[in-house]
């Protein structure tokens, strides 16, 4: 096999791996019904139909929990853009196309269920949520013309990050129904992560230098797909300060275990370009670890100052 493969060669070479993992996914995935996770008895009309407009006191959620759920939903809800990117990269033929459709259907279920929960329970401001949804979807998601292996590497990290964010958000809400729902969604995201992780593992065996470069590029430039959400920077900081998703979590629970699973540090037979990519990757991971340590220290210092003010 050539040292560097184009998209058509990669699609053909990896198709058996896709089919195998598609079948594994279909066997492992649990059938679940979104309507079973929504407390419909709590629902009532809003102002347009003679009911009550939303007000913050109607929500059982803290402001930070509302922010985290909004970010999680709006990230899931921008599905048309994600589908377009994946569909263009993977195509509609063979197991690749079957996976794209299955993945899209499952991700859509997540958005519908979280949205129904939030509207029925009046967990968030529905007007603000709808305006943010429109803005996010009109902006769309731009992958930056990522190559096939870059997409697979990126989504491996992203699906794991989404799983962790959903689970942590569920616990942070301290609301049993929300936690049950987000735990259920996180299980799907874990299966999605395994699918993409296994593709990258196979690609490392097929074309190690090319795949190492893709992994490195995605670690260095990683951003959650929700970064286009209005006010995402401010909301991401709030979630980080609350410990829902921060740099320490990203390093310890996302990047480090994924790289360990792929065995990138022990991979043999790389050429000069592959070794260079691995050196860049090691430097990027070390920098991320240092940045995470500084963030945690600042957060602890801030918490100590707040505690001192409250105690005085």
C-alpha atoms as a PDB file:
ATOM      1  CA  UNK A   1       0.000   0.000   0.000  1.00  0.00           C
ATOM      2  CA  UNK A   2       1.211   3.531  -0.779  1.00  0.00           C
ATOM      3  CA  UNK A   3       2.519   5.606   2.089  1.00  0.00           C
ATOM      4  CA  UNK A   4      -0.155   8.237   1.488  1.00  0.00           C
ATOM      5  CA  UNK A   5      -3.633   7.248   0.322  1.00  0.00           C
ATOM      6  CA  UNK A   6      -6.231   9.502  -1.227  1.00  0.00           C
ATOM      7  CA  UNK A   7      -9.859   9.539  -0.110  1.00  0.00           C
ATOM      8  CA  UNK A   8     -11.030   6.967  -2.635  1.00  0.00           C
ATOM      9  CA  UNK A   9      -8.271   4.537  -1.621  1.00  0.00           C
ATOM     10  CA  UNK A  10      -9.025   5.047   2.064  1.00  0.00           C
ATOM     11  CA  UNK A  11     -12.746   4.525   1.595  1.00  0.00           C
ATOM     12  CA  UNK A  12     -12.123   1.274  -0.233  1.00  0.00           C
ATOM     13  CA  UNK A  13      -9.445  -0.003   2.132  1.00  0.00           C
ATOM     14  CA  UNK A  14     -11.400   0.809   5.286  1.00  0.00           C
ATOM     15  CA  UNK A  15     -14.804  -0.362   4.054  1.00  0.00           C
ATOM     16  CA  UNK A  16     -14.495  -3.835   5.671  1.00  0.00           C
ATOM     17  CA  UNK A  17     -13.653  -2.154   8.983  1.00  0.00           C
ATOM     18  CA  UNK A  18     -16.685   0.122   8.640  1.00  0.00           C
ATOM     19  CA  UNK A  19     -18.961  -2.830   7.916  1.00  0.00           C
ATOM     20  CA  UNK A  20     -17.607  -4.798  10.856  1.00  0.00           C
ATOM     21  CA  UNK A  21     -18.058  -1.882  13.246  1.00  0.00           C
ATOM     22  CA  UNK A  22     -21.465  -0.986  11.852  1.00  0.00           C
ATOM     23  CA  UNK A  23     -22.620  -4.527  12.637  1.00  0.00           C
ATOM     24  CA  UNK A  24     -21.029  -4.326  16.091  1.00  0.00           C
ATOM     25  CA  UNK A  25     -22.804  -1.033  16.695  1.00  0.00           C
ATOM     26  CA  UNK A  26     -26.200  -2.375  15.619  1.00  0.00           C
ATOM     27  CA  UNK A  27     -25.800  -5.340  17.948  1.00  0.00           C
ATOM     28  CA  UNK A  28     -24.679  -3.211  20.902  1.00  0.00           C
ATOM     29  CA  UNK A  29     -27.075  -0.267  20.483  1.00  0.00           C
ATOM     30  CA  UNK A  30     -30.118  -0.396  22.755  1.00  0.00           C
ATOM     31  CA  UNK A  31     -33.495   0.594  21.385  1.00  0.00           C
ATOM     32  CA  UNK A  32     -34.981   3.423  23.446  1.00  0.00           C
ATOM     33  CA  UNK A  33     -37.908   5.777  23.089  1.00  0.00           C
ATOM     34  CA  UNK A  34     -37.333   9.513  23.649  1.00  0.00           C
ATOM     35  CA  UNK A  35     -40.908  10.129  24.775  1.00  0.00           C
ATOM     36  CA  UNK A  36     -40.302   7.845  27.764  1.00  0.00           C
ATOM     37  CA  UNK A  37     -37.743  10.292  29.138  1.00  0.00           C
ATOM     38  CA  UNK A  38     -39.938  13.396  29.072  1.00  0.00           C
ATOM     39  CA  UNK A  39     -42.261  14.254  32.026  1.00  0.00           C
ATOM     40  CA  UNK A  40     -45.225  15.250  29.855  1.00  0.00           C
ATOM     41  CA  UNK A  41     -47.498  15.739  32.878  1.00  0.00           C
ATOM     42  CA  UNK A  42     -45.476  18.847  33.761  1.00  0.00           C
ATOM     43  CA  UNK A  43     -46.313  20.551  30.471  1.00  0.00           C
ATOM     44  CA  UNK A  44     -48.661  23.503  30.016  1.00  0.00           C
ATOM     45  CA  UNK A  45     -49.419  26.210  27.472  1.00  0.00           C
ATOM     46  CA  UNK A  46     -47.249  29.244  26.896  1.00  0.00           C
ATOM     47  CA  UNK A  47     -48.550  32.773  26.395  1.00  0.00           C
ATOM     48  CA  UNK A  48     -49.616  32.497  22.746  1.00  0.00           C
ATOM     49  CA  UNK A  49     -52.260  29.911  23.685  1.00  0.00           C
ATOM     50  CA  UNK A  50     -53.403  31.725  26.798  1.00  0.00           C
ATOM     51  CA  UNK A  51     -50.904  30.182  29.196  1.00  0.00           C
ATOM     52  CA  UNK A  52     -48.034  31.669  31.146  1.00  0.00           C
ATOM     53  CA  UNK A  53     -44.855  33.115  29.613  1.00  0.00           C
ATOM     54  CA  UNK A  54     -41.580  31.656  30.824  1.00  0.00           C
ATOM     55  CA  UNK A  55     -39.849  33.084  33.895  1.00  0.00           C
ATOM     56  CA  UNK A  56     -36.662  31.886  35.634  1.00  0.00           C
ATOM     57  CA  UNK A  57     -38.514  30.823  38.780  1.00  0.00           C
ATOM     58  CA  UNK A  58     -40.308  28.119  36.774  1.00  0.00           C
ATOM     59  CA  UNK A  59     -37.059  26.234  36.155  1.00  0.00           C
ATOM     60  CA  UNK A  60     -35.804  23.536  38.495  1.00  0.00           C
ATOM     61  CA  UNK A  61     -32.310  24.096  37.144  1.00  0.00           C
ATOM     62  CA  UNK A  62     -29.560  26.412  38.340  1.00  0.00           C
ATOM     63  CA  UNK A  63     -28.359  29.081  35.872  1.00  0.00           C
ATOM     64  CA  UNK A  64     -25.187  27.099  35.114  1.00  0.00           C
ATOM     65  CA  UNK A  65     -27.168  23.891  34.593  1.00  0.00           C
ATOM     66  CA  UNK A  66     -29.454  25.755  32.188  1.00  0.00           C
ATOM     67  CA  UNK A  67     -26.437  27.045  30.286  1.00  0.00           C
ATOM     68  CA  UNK A  68     -24.893  23.565  30.040  1.00  0.00           C
ATOM     69  CA  UNK A  69     -28.125  22.005  28.801  1.00  0.00           C
ATOM     70  CA  UNK A  70     -28.584  24.761  26.232  1.00  0.00           C
ATOM     71  CA  UNK A  71     -25.055  24.228  24.932  1.00  0.00           C
ATOM     72  CA  UNK A  72     -25.521  20.457  24.810  1.00  0.00           C
ATOM     73  CA  UNK A  73     -28.824  20.780  22.970  1.00  0.00           C
ATOM     74  CA  UNK A  74     -27.692  23.398  20.476  1.00  0.00           C
ATOM     75  CA  UNK A  75     -24.611  21.316  19.722  1.00  0.00           C
ATOM     76  CA  UNK A  76     -26.753  18.256  19.005  1.00  0.00           C
ATOM     77  CA  UNK A  77     -29.369  20.282  17.148  1.00  0.00           C
ATOM     78  CA  UNK A  78     -27.018  21.553  14.429  1.00  0.00           C
ATOM     79  CA  UNK A  79     -27.292  18.104  12.866  1.00  0.00           C
ATOM     80  CA  UNK A  80     -27.955  19.120   9.236  1.00  0.00           C
ATOM     81  CA  UNK A  81     -24.492  20.693   9.026  1.00  0.00           C
ATOM     82  CA  UNK A  82     -22.800  17.681  10.601  1.00  0.00           C
ATOM     83  CA  UNK A  83     -24.667  15.287   8.326  1.00  0.00           C
ATOM     84  CA  UNK A  84     -23.554  17.240   5.281  1.00  0.00           C
ATOM     85  CA  UNK A  85     -19.902  17.075   6.308  1.00  0.00           C
ATOM     86  CA  UNK A  86     -19.981  13.360   7.120  1.00  0.00           C
ATOM     87  CA  UNK A  87     -22.050  12.518   4.039  1.00  0.00           C
ATOM     88  CA  UNK A  88     -19.663  14.352   1.725  1.00  0.00           C
ATOM     89  CA  UNK A  89     -16.646  12.635   3.263  1.00  0.00           C
ATOM     90  CA  UNK A  90     -18.019   9.096   3.597  1.00  0.00           C
ATOM     91  CA  UNK A  91     -20.407   8.960   0.651  1.00  0.00           C
ATOM     92  CA  UNK A  92     -23.739   7.157   0.373  1.00  0.00           C
ATOM     93  CA  UNK A  93     -22.514   3.799  -0.844  1.00  0.00           C
ATOM     94  CA  UNK A  94     -21.848   0.566   1.024  1.00  0.00           C
ATOM     95  CA  UNK A  95     -21.483   0.416   4.799  1.00  0.00           C
ATOM     96  CA  UNK A  96     -20.151   3.969   4.868  1.00  0.00           C
ATOM     97  CA  UNK A  97     -23.502   5.369   3.718  1.00  0.00           C
ATOM     98  CA  UNK A  98     -25.473   3.067   6.008  1.00  0.00           C
ATOM     99  CA  UNK A  99     -23.442   4.288   8.980  1.00  0.00           C
ATOM    100  CA  UNK A 100     -23.966   7.954   8.084  1.00  0.00           C
ATOM    101  CA  UNK A 101     -27.745   7.491   8.086  1.00  0.00           C
ATOM    102  CA  UNK A 102     -27.769   5.493  11.320  1.00  0.00           C
ATOM    103  CA  UNK A 103     -25.514   7.989  13.095  1.00  0.00           C
ATOM    104  CA  UNK A 104     -27.662  10.909  11.920  1.00  0.00           C
ATOM    105  CA  UNK A 105     -30.859   9.249  13.128  1.00  0.00           C
ATOM    106  CA  UNK A 106     -29.415   8.574  16.561  1.00  0.00           C
ATOM    107  CA  UNK A 107     -27.997  12.057  16.965  1.00  0.00           C
ATOM    108  CA  UNK A 108     -31.343  13.539  15.902  1.00  0.00           C
ATOM    109  CA  UNK A 109     -33.080  11.539  18.624  1.00  0.00           C
ATOM    110  CA  UNK A 110     -30.819  13.144  21.205  1.00  0.00           C
ATOM    111  CA  UNK A 111     -31.752  16.670  20.128  1.00  0.00           C
ATOM    112  CA  UNK A 112     -35.482  15.970  20.002  1.00  0.00           C
ATOM    113  CA  UNK A 113     -35.502  14.398  23.454  1.00  0.00           C
ATOM    114  CA  UNK A 114     -33.462  17.093  25.200  1.00  0.00           C
ATOM    115  CA  UNK A 115     -35.542  19.817  23.567  1.00  0.00           C
ATOM    116  CA  UNK A 116     -38.828  18.198  24.620  1.00  0.00           C
ATOM    117  CA  UNK A 117     -37.556  17.835  28.186  1.00  0.00           C
ATOM    118  CA  UNK A 118     -36.495  21.466  28.419  1.00  0.00           C
ATOM    119  CA  UNK A 119     -39.730  22.845  26.957  1.00  0.00           C
ATOM    120  CA  UNK A 120     -42.068  20.620  28.970  1.00  0.00           C
ATOM    121  CA  UNK A 121     -40.284  21.307  32.255  1.00  0.00           C
ATOM    122  CA  UNK A 122     -39.726  24.990  31.393  1.00  0.00           C
ATOM    123  CA  UNK A 123     -36.095  24.350  32.207  1.00  0.00           C
ATOM    124  CA  UNK A 124     -34.790  27.176  29.999  1.00  0.00           C
ATOM    125  CA  UNK A 125     -36.119  30.330  28.368  1.00  0.00           C
ATOM    126  CA  UNK A 126     -37.815  28.948  25.217  1.00  0.00           C
ATOM    127  CA  UNK A 127     -37.595  32.256  23.334  1.00  0.00           C
ATOM    128  CA  UNK A 128     -33.873  32.583  23.978  1.00  0.00           C
ATOM    129  CA  UNK A 129     -33.378  28.940  23.067  1.00  0.00           C
ATOM    130  CA  UNK A 130     -35.199  29.315  19.752  1.00  0.00           C
ATOM    131  CA  UNK A 131     -33.295  32.457  18.796  1.00  0.00           C
ATOM    132  CA  UNK A 132     -30.016  30.704  19.581  1.00  0.00           C
ATOM    133  CA  UNK A 133     -31.126  27.674  17.574  1.00  0.00           C
ATOM    134  CA  UNK A 134     -31.886  29.814  14.540  1.00  0.00           C
ATOM    135  CA  UNK A 135     -28.577  31.672  14.808  1.00  0.00           C
ATOM    136  CA  UNK A 136     -26.611  28.443  15.243  1.00  0.00           C
ATOM    137  CA  UNK A 137     -28.227  26.633  12.333  1.00  0.00           C
ATOM    138  CA  UNK A 138     -27.990  29.652  10.048  1.00  0.00           C
ATOM    139  CA  UNK A 139     -24.276  29.842  10.815  1.00  0.00           C
ATOM    140  CA  UNK A 140     -23.900  26.116  10.276  1.00  0.00           C
ATOM    141  CA  UNK A 141     -20.861  23.985  10.979  1.00  0.00           C
ATOM    142  CA  UNK A 142     -17.776  24.317   8.806  1.00  0.00           C
ATOM    143  CA  UNK A 143     -15.281  21.483   9.078  1.00  0.00           C
ATOM    144  CA  UNK A 144     -12.669  23.472   7.208  1.00  0.00           C
ATOM    145  CA  UNK A 145     -12.483  20.866   4.430  1.00  0.00           C
ATOM    146  CA  UNK A 146     -10.991  18.245   6.697  1.00  0.00           C
ATOM    147  CA  UNK A 147      -9.597  15.169   4.984  1.00  0.00           C
ATOM    148  CA  UNK A 148     -11.198  11.784   5.668  1.00  0.00           C
ATOM    149  CA  UNK A 149      -8.712  10.719   8.341  1.00  0.00           C
ATOM    150  CA  UNK A 150      -8.913  14.117  10.018  1.00  0.00           C
ATOM    151  CA  UNK A 151     -12.687  13.782  10.240  1.00  0.00           C
ATOM    152  CA  UNK A 152     -12.402  10.317  11.778  1.00  0.00           C
ATOM    153  CA  UNK A 153      -9.802  11.512  14.296  1.00  0.00           C
ATOM    154  CA  UNK A 154     -11.755  14.658  15.156  1.00  0.00           C
ATOM    155  CA  UNK A 155     -15.050  12.853  15.671  1.00  0.00           C
ATOM    156  CA  UNK A 156     -13.337  10.252  17.867  1.00  0.00           C
ATOM    157  CA  UNK A 157     -12.288  12.996  20.276  1.00  0.00           C
ATOM    158  CA  UNK A 158     -15.531  14.942  19.844  1.00  0.00           C
ATOM    159  CA  UNK A 159     -17.843  12.002  20.554  1.00  0.00           C
ATOM    160  CA  UNK A 160     -15.922  11.149  23.714  1.00  0.00           C
ATOM    161  CA  UNK A 161     -15.991  14.798  24.770  1.00  0.00           C
ATOM    162  CA  UNK A 162     -19.737  14.930  24.155  1.00  0.00           C
ATOM    163  CA  UNK A 163     -20.279  11.783  26.203  1.00  0.00           C
ATOM    164  CA  UNK A 164     -18.369  13.242  29.130  1.00  0.00           C
ATOM    165  CA  UNK A 165     -20.127  16.613  28.843  1.00  0.00           C
ATOM    166  CA  UNK A 166     -23.575  14.993  28.838  1.00  0.00           C
ATOM    167  CA  UNK A 167     -22.780  12.811  31.841  1.00  0.00           C
ATOM    168  CA  UNK A 168     -21.283  15.671  33.843  1.00  0.00           C
ATOM    169  CA  UNK A 169     -24.163  17.991  32.937  1.00  0.00           C
ATOM    170  CA  UNK A 170     -26.669  15.382  34.075  1.00  0.00           C
ATOM    171  CA  UNK A 171     -24.985  15.054  37.457  1.00  0.00           C
ATOM    172  CA  UNK A 172     -24.647  18.815  37.810  1.00  0.00           C
ATOM    173  CA  UNK A 173     -28.368  19.441  37.272  1.00  0.00           C
ATOM    174  CA  UNK A 174     -29.211  17.533  40.473  1.00  0.00           C
ATOM    175  CA  UNK A 175     -32.501  16.774  38.723  1.00  0.00           C
ATOM    176  CA  UNK A 176     -33.190  13.011  38.441  1.00  0.00           C
ATOM    177  CA  UNK A 177     -35.069  13.070  35.123  1.00  0.00           C
ATOM    178  CA  UNK A 178     -32.459  15.229  33.410  1.00  0.00           C
ATOM    179  CA  UNK A 179     -29.691  13.002  34.716  1.00  0.00           C
ATOM    180  CA  UNK A 180     -31.475   9.863  33.517  1.00  0.00           C
ATOM    181  CA  UNK A 181     -32.012  11.383  30.065  1.00  0.00           C
ATOM    182  CA  UNK A 182     -28.442  12.619  29.652  1.00  0.00           C
ATOM    183  CA  UNK A 183     -27.032   9.319  30.896  1.00  0.00           C
ATOM    184  CA  UNK A 184     -29.062   7.578  28.198  1.00  0.00           C
ATOM    185  CA  UNK A 185     -27.791   9.978  25.521  1.00  0.00           C
ATOM    186  CA  UNK A 186     -24.207   9.536  26.740  1.00  0.00           C
ATOM    187  CA  UNK A 187     -24.464   5.774  26.182  1.00  0.00           C
ATOM    188  CA  UNK A 188     -25.177   6.388  22.502  1.00  0.00           C
ATOM    189  CA  UNK A 189     -22.318   8.849  22.255  1.00  0.00           C
ATOM    190  CA  UNK A 190     -19.981   6.250  23.718  1.00  0.00           C
ATOM    191  CA  UNK A 191     -20.923   3.775  21.003  1.00  0.00           C
ATOM    192  CA  UNK A 192     -20.379   6.445  18.361  1.00  0.00           C
ATOM    193  CA  UNK A 193     -16.946   7.149  19.826  1.00  0.00           C
ATOM    194  CA  UNK A 194     -16.023   3.468  19.697  1.00  0.00           C
ATOM    195  CA  UNK A 195     -16.999   3.290  16.021  1.00  0.00           C
ATOM    196  CA  UNK A 196     -14.760   6.185  15.033  1.00  0.00           C
ATOM    197  CA  UNK A 197     -11.981   5.169  17.406  1.00  0.00           C
ATOM    198  CA  UNK A 198     -11.825   1.747  15.772  1.00  0.00           C
ATOM    199  CA  UNK A 199     -11.664   3.328  12.318  1.00  0.00           C
ATOM    200  CA  UNK A 200      -8.654   5.400  13.342  1.00  0.00           C
ATOM    201  CA  UNK A 201      -7.045   2.320  14.891  1.00  0.00           C
ATOM    202  CA  UNK A 202      -7.390   0.504  11.572  1.00  0.00           C
ATOM    203  CA  UNK A 203      -6.085   3.535   9.691  1.00  0.00           C
ATOM    204  CA  UNK A 204      -2.979   3.597  11.905  1.00  0.00           C
ATOM    205  CA  UNK A 205      -2.244   0.052  10.786  1.00  0.00           C
ATOM    206  CA  UNK A 206      -3.002   0.857   7.153  1.00  0.00           C
ATOM    207  CA  UNK A 207      -1.183   4.171   6.750  1.00  0.00           C
ATOM    208  CA  UNK A 208       0.499   5.069  10.063  1.00  0.00           C
ATOM    209  CA  UNK A 209       2.352   8.229   9.044  1.00  0.00           C
ATOM    210  CA  UNK A 210      -0.686   9.782   7.372  1.00  0.00           C
ATOM    211  CA  UNK A 211      -2.923   8.890  10.294  1.00  0.00           C
ATOM    212  CA  UNK A 212      -0.442  10.179  12.873  1.00  0.00           C
ATOM    213  CA  UNK A 213      -0.458  13.528  11.097  1.00  0.00           C
ATOM    214  CA  UNK A 214      -4.267  13.605  11.147  1.00  0.00           C
ATOM    215  CA  UNK A 215      -4.387  12.806  14.870  1.00  0.00           C
ATOM    216  CA  UNK A 216      -1.815  15.479  15.663  1.00  0.00           C
ATOM    217  CA  UNK A 217      -3.612  18.123  13.631  1.00  0.00           C
ATOM    218  CA  UNK A 218      -6.911  17.409  15.367  1.00  0.00           C
ATOM    219  CA  UNK A 219      -5.436  17.518  18.871  1.00  0.00           C
ATOM    220  CA  UNK A 220      -3.694  20.819  18.121  1.00  0.00           C
ATOM    221  CA  UNK A 221      -6.743  22.519  16.555  1.00  0.00           C
ATOM    222  CA  UNK A 222      -9.560  20.825  18.482  1.00  0.00           C
ATOM    223  CA  UNK A 223     -12.722  22.817  19.075  1.00  0.00           C
ATOM    224  CA  UNK A 224     -16.117  21.498  20.039  1.00  0.00           C
ATOM    225  CA  UNK A 225     -18.639  21.779  17.179  1.00  0.00           C
ATOM    226  CA  UNK A 226     -20.779  23.960  19.449  1.00  0.00           C
ATOM    227  CA  UNK A 227     -18.207  26.754  19.301  1.00  0.00           C
ATOM    228  CA  UNK A 228     -20.453  28.567  16.784  1.00  0.00           C
ATOM    229  CA  UNK A 229     -23.284  28.849  19.339  1.00  0.00           C
ATOM    230  CA  UNK A 230     -24.016  32.508  20.234  1.00  0.00           C
ATOM    231  CA  UNK A 231     -22.084  33.410  23.392  1.00  0.00           C
ATOM    232  CA  UNK A 232     -20.252  30.065  23.382  1.00  0.00           C
ATOM    233  CA  UNK A 233     -17.021  31.496  24.812  1.00  0.00           C
ATOM    234  CA  UNK A 234     -18.764  32.897  27.884  1.00  0.00           C
ATOM    235  CA  UNK A 235     -20.875  29.766  28.332  1.00  0.00           C
ATOM    236  CA  UNK A 236     -17.859  27.468  27.959  1.00  0.00           C
ATOM    237  CA  UNK A 237     -16.055  29.416  30.698  1.00  0.00           C
ATOM    238  CA  UNK A 238     -19.078  29.056  33.000  1.00  0.00           C
ATOM    239  CA  UNK A 239     -19.169  25.300  32.357  1.00  0.00           C
ATOM    240  CA  UNK A 240     -15.423  25.078  32.966  1.00  0.00           C
ATOM    241  CA  UNK A 241     -15.624  26.984  36.241  1.00  0.00           C
ATOM    242  CA  UNK A 242     -18.376  24.619  37.364  1.00  0.00           C
ATOM    243  CA  UNK A 243     -16.235  21.598  36.473  1.00  0.00           C
ATOM    244  CA  UNK A 244     -18.647  20.317  33.827  1.00  0.00           C
ATOM    245  CA  UNK A 245     -16.091  20.461  31.020  1.00  0.00           C
ATOM    246  CA  UNK A 246     -12.688  22.082  31.334  1.00  0.00           C
ATOM    247  CA  UNK A 247      -9.118  21.740  30.116  1.00  0.00           C
ATOM    248  CA  UNK A 248      -8.224  19.233  32.834  1.00  0.00           C
ATOM    249  CA  UNK A 249     -11.119  17.022  31.794  1.00  0.00           C
ATOM    250  CA  UNK A 250     -10.185  17.445  28.140  1.00  0.00           C
ATOM    251  CA  UNK A 251      -6.590  16.357  28.811  1.00  0.00           C
ATOM    252  CA  UNK A 252      -7.240  13.612  31.370  1.00  0.00           C
ATOM    253  CA  UNK A 253     -10.509  12.099  30.143  1.00  0.00           C
ATOM    254  CA  UNK A 254     -10.487  12.738  26.401  1.00  0.00           C
ATOM    255  CA  UNK A 255      -7.088  13.203  24.777  1.00  0.00           C
ATOM    256  CA  UNK A 256      -4.889  11.051  27.020  1.00  0.00           C
ATOM    257  CA  UNK A 257      -7.036   7.885  27.095  1.00  0.00           C
ATOM    258  CA  UNK A 258      -7.745   8.095  23.362  1.00  0.00           C
ATOM    259  CA  UNK A 259      -4.067   8.345  22.478  1.00  0.00           C
ATOM    260  CA  UNK A 260      -3.311   5.500  24.871  1.00  0.00           C
ATOM    261  CA  UNK A 261      -6.002   3.358  23.268  1.00  0.00           C
ATOM    262  CA  UNK A 262      -4.510   3.957  19.829  1.00  0.00           C
ATOM    263  CA  UNK A 263      -1.016   3.181  21.127  1.00  0.00           C
ATOM    264  CA  UNK A 264       0.486   6.220  19.432  1.00  0.00           C
ATOM    265  CA  UNK A 265       3.460   6.448  21.801  1.00  0.00           C
ATOM    266  CA  UNK A 266       4.500   2.834  21.156  1.00  0.00           C
ATOM    267  CA  UNK A 267       3.794   2.752  17.429  1.00  0.00           C
ATOM    268  CA  UNK A 268       6.785   1.472  15.460  1.00  0.00           C
ATOM    269  CA  UNK A 269       7.828   1.884  11.849  1.00  0.00           C
ATOM    270  CA  UNK A 270       7.043   5.569  11.378  1.00  0.00           C
ATOM    271  CA  UNK A 271       9.069   7.461   8.794  1.00  0.00           C
ATOM    272  CA  UNK A 272      10.509  10.933   9.350  1.00  0.00           C
ATOM    273  CA  UNK A 273       7.182  12.667   8.713  1.00  0.00           C
ATOM    274  CA  UNK A 274       5.376  10.349  11.111  1.00  0.00           C
ATOM    275  CA  UNK A 275       7.973  10.852  13.822  1.00  0.00           C
ATOM    276  CA  UNK A 276       7.750  14.603  13.377  1.00  0.00           C
ATOM    277  CA  UNK A 277       3.964  14.448  13.746  1.00  0.00           C
ATOM    278  CA  UNK A 278       4.342  12.358  16.912  1.00  0.00           C
ATOM    279  CA  UNK A 279       6.836  14.834  18.375  1.00  0.00           C
ATOM    280  CA  UNK A 280       4.409  17.677  17.654  1.00  0.00           C
ATOM    281  CA  UNK A 281       1.653  15.641  19.285  1.00  0.00           C
ATOM    282  CA  UNK A 282       3.730  15.060  22.426  1.00  0.00           C
ATOM    283  CA  UNK A 283       4.485  18.775  22.644  1.00  0.00           C
ATOM    284  CA  UNK A 284       0.816  19.685  22.171  1.00  0.00           C
ATOM    285  CA  UNK A 285      -0.329  17.253  24.876  1.00  0.00           C
ATOM    286  CA  UNK A 286       2.308  18.558  27.295  1.00  0.00           C
ATOM    287  CA  UNK A 287       1.222  22.140  26.615  1.00  0.00           C
ATOM    288  CA  UNK A 288      -2.410  21.171  27.179  1.00  0.00           C
ATOM    289  CA  UNK A 289      -1.472  19.567  30.499  1.00  0.00           C
ATOM    290  CA  UNK A 290       0.364  22.718  31.612  1.00  0.00           C
ATOM    291  CA  UNK A 291      -2.510  24.949  30.546  1.00  0.00           C
ATOM    292  CA  UNK A 292      -4.959  22.711  32.387  1.00  0.00           C
ATOM    293  CA  UNK A 293      -2.860  22.912  35.548  1.00  0.00           C
ATOM    294  CA  UNK A 294      -2.831  26.714  35.377  1.00  0.00           C
ATOM    295  CA  UNK A 295      -6.594  26.799  34.883  1.00  0.00           C
ATOM    296  CA  UNK A 296      -7.262  24.537  37.858  1.00  0.00           C
ATOM    297  CA  UNK A 297      -4.955  26.626  40.035  1.00  0.00           C
ATOM    298  CA  UNK A 298      -6.763  29.830  39.054  1.00  0.00           C
ATOM    299  CA  UNK A 299     -10.130  28.223  39.714  1.00  0.00           C
ATOM    300  CA  UNK A 300      -9.059  27.006  43.140  1.00  0.00           C
ATOM    301  CA  UNK A 301      -7.638  30.414  43.981  1.00  0.00           C
ATOM    302  CA  UNK A 302     -10.885  32.080  42.967  1.00  0.00           C
ATOM    303  CA  UNK A 303     -12.928  29.607  45.017  1.00  0.00           C
ATOM    304  CA  UNK A 304     -10.730  30.226  48.070  1.00  0.00           C
ATOM    305  CA  UNK A 305     -11.182  33.988  47.759  1.00  0.00           C
ATOM    306  CA  UNK A 306     -14.952  33.615  47.447  1.00  0.00           C
ATOM    307  CA  UNK A 307     -15.046  31.336  50.487  1.00  0.00           C
ATOM    308  CA  UNK A 308     -12.985  33.855  52.472  1.00  0.00           C
ATOM    309  CA  UNK A 309     -15.336  36.709  51.523  1.00  0.00           C
ATOM    310  CA  UNK A 310     -18.379  34.699  52.511  1.00  0.00           C
ATOM    311  CA  UNK A 311     -16.787  33.745  55.834  1.00  0.00           C
ATOM    312  CA  UNK A 312     -15.816  37.300  56.752  1.00  0.00           C
END
